[in-house]
Amino acid sequence: MTPQNELRLLPWSGPDGKPCYLSTDESGGYMSRLADNIEAVQLGTATDLLDRTSEVLDNQNAGPDELRLMLTEVIRALRDVVRVATSRGHLLAAVSEHSK
């Protein structure tokens, strides 16, 4: 999945929240497949969270604690989705550059 000599932003953070990158020429390698699977889970989780968030917001009896918890989960999911989008956008740009 990563073009030769390109780093892939991985869907998890390292120590102190710093980004982790993968350098490999093997697109079907273990770490690439693991990253692909984790990205798929993160995107699926965000999709499910959209439905749950709508239900909580529609509930007139939802209290501040429930809303705060939901917002915390939304923020976590949004961070994951932004990381996936950034990684995939970088990969698309790198592939585009290599195909010129």
Protein backbone atom coordinates (compact mmCIF):
# COMPACT_ATOMS: atom_id res chain seq x y z
CA MET A 1 0.00 0.00 0.00
CA THR A 2 2.90 2.38 0.59
CA PRO A 3 4.82 3.46 -2.50
CA GLN A 4 8.51 2.70 -2.42
CA ASN A 5 10.44 4.93 0.00
CA GLU A 6 7.25 6.46 1.45
CA LEU A 7 6.29 6.42 5.11
CA ARG A 8 2.79 5.41 6.10
CA LEU A 9 1.12 7.15 9.02
CA LEU A 10 -0.17 4.33 11.20
CA PRO A 11 -3.62 4.45 12.83
CA TRP A 12 -2.23 4.52 16.36
CA SER A 13 -0.01 6.83 18.37
CA GLY A 14 3.30 6.11 19.95
CA PRO A 15 4.62 7.26 23.30
CA ASP A 16 3.42 10.69 24.35
CA GLY A 17 0.81 10.68 21.55
CA LYS A 18 3.44 11.05 18.84
CA PRO A 19 2.59 9.68 15.38
CA CYS A 20 3.91 6.29 14.31
CA TYR A 21 5.07 5.59 10.78
CA LEU A 22 5.73 2.44 8.80
CA SER A 23 8.48 2.21 6.22
CA THR A 24 8.13 -0.83 3.99
CA ASP A 25 8.09 -1.84 0.35
CA GLU A 26 5.84 -4.78 1.20
CA SER A 27 2.21 -3.66 0.87
CA GLY A 28 0.83 -7.02 1.98
CA GLY A 29 3.11 -7.35 4.98
CA TYR A 30 1.91 -8.06 8.49
CA MET A 31 2.14 -4.45 9.73
CA SER A 32 0.44 -3.06 6.61
CA ARG A 33 -2.42 -5.54 6.95
CA LEU A 34 -2.69 -4.80 10.68
CA ALA A 35 -2.87 -1.06 9.98
CA ASP A 36 -5.50 -1.65 7.25
CA ASN A 37 -7.61 -3.73 9.65
CA ILE A 38 -7.34 -1.20 12.47
CA GLU A 39 -8.31 1.63 10.10
CA ALA A 40 -11.37 -0.36 9.02
CA VAL A 41 -12.37 -0.90 12.66
CA GLN A 42 -11.86 2.79 13.45
CA LEU A 43 -14.02 3.89 10.51
CA GLY A 44 -16.71 1.36 11.44
CA THR A 45 -16.67 2.55 15.03
CA ALA A 46 -17.09 6.16 13.89
CA THR A 47 -20.04 5.18 11.71
CA ASP A 48 -21.73 3.36 14.59
CA LEU A 49 -21.03 6.29 16.89
CA LEU A 50 -22.86 8.65 14.53
CA ASP A 51 -26.04 6.63 15.00
CA ARG A 52 -25.61 6.39 18.77
CA THR A 53 -24.90 10.11 19.05
CA SER A 54 -28.06 10.94 17.12
CA GLU A 55 -30.08 8.76 19.49
CA VAL A 56 -28.61 10.46 22.57
CA LEU A 57 -29.20 13.94 21.15
CA ASP A 58 -32.80 13.02 20.29
CA ASN A 59 -33.38 11.84 23.86
CA GLN A 60 -34.77 14.81 25.79
CA ASN A 61 -33.94 13.02 29.06
CA ALA A 62 -30.21 12.70 28.31
CA GLY A 63 -28.29 14.30 31.13
CA PRO A 64 -25.03 16.22 31.12
CA ASP A 65 -22.99 13.15 32.07
CA GLU A 66 -24.39 11.11 29.20
CA LEU A 67 -23.81 13.98 26.76
CA ARG A 68 -20.26 14.51 28.05
CA LEU A 69 -19.49 10.80 27.64
CA MET A 70 -20.90 10.83 24.11
CA LEU A 71 -18.88 13.91 23.19
CA THR A 72 -15.73 12.28 24.56
CA GLU A 73 -16.34 9.23 22.36
CA VAL A 74 -17.05 11.44 19.33
CA ILE A 75 -13.78 13.32 19.85
CA ARG A 76 -11.84 10.05 20.09
CA ALA A 77 -13.48 8.71 16.92
CA LEU A 78 -12.94 11.98 15.06
CA ARG A 79 -9.23 11.91 15.90
CA ASP A 80 -9.05 8.38 14.49
CA VAL A 81 -10.92 9.34 11.31
CA VAL A 82 -8.70 12.39 10.76
CA ARG A 83 -5.60 10.20 11.18
CA VAL A 84 -6.96 7.68 8.64
CA ALA A 85 -7.85 10.48 6.20
CA THR A 86 -4.43 12.09 6.61
CA SER A 87 -2.67 8.78 6.07
CA ARG A 88 -4.73 7.88 3.00
CA GLY A 89 -4.43 11.39 1.57
CA HIS A 90 -0.66 11.23 1.92
CA LEU A 91 -0.59 7.83 0.25
CA LEU A 92 -2.73 9.06 -2.63
CA ALA A 93 -0.45 12.05 -3.14
CA ALA A 94 2.62 9.81 -3.06
CA VAL A 95 1.13 7.37 -5.57
CA SER A 96 0.16 10.28 -7.82
CA GLU A 97 3.72 11.66 -7.68
CA HIS A 98 5.21 8.26 -8.53
CA SER A 99 2.91 7.76 -11.51
CA LYS A 100 4.00 11.01 -13.20
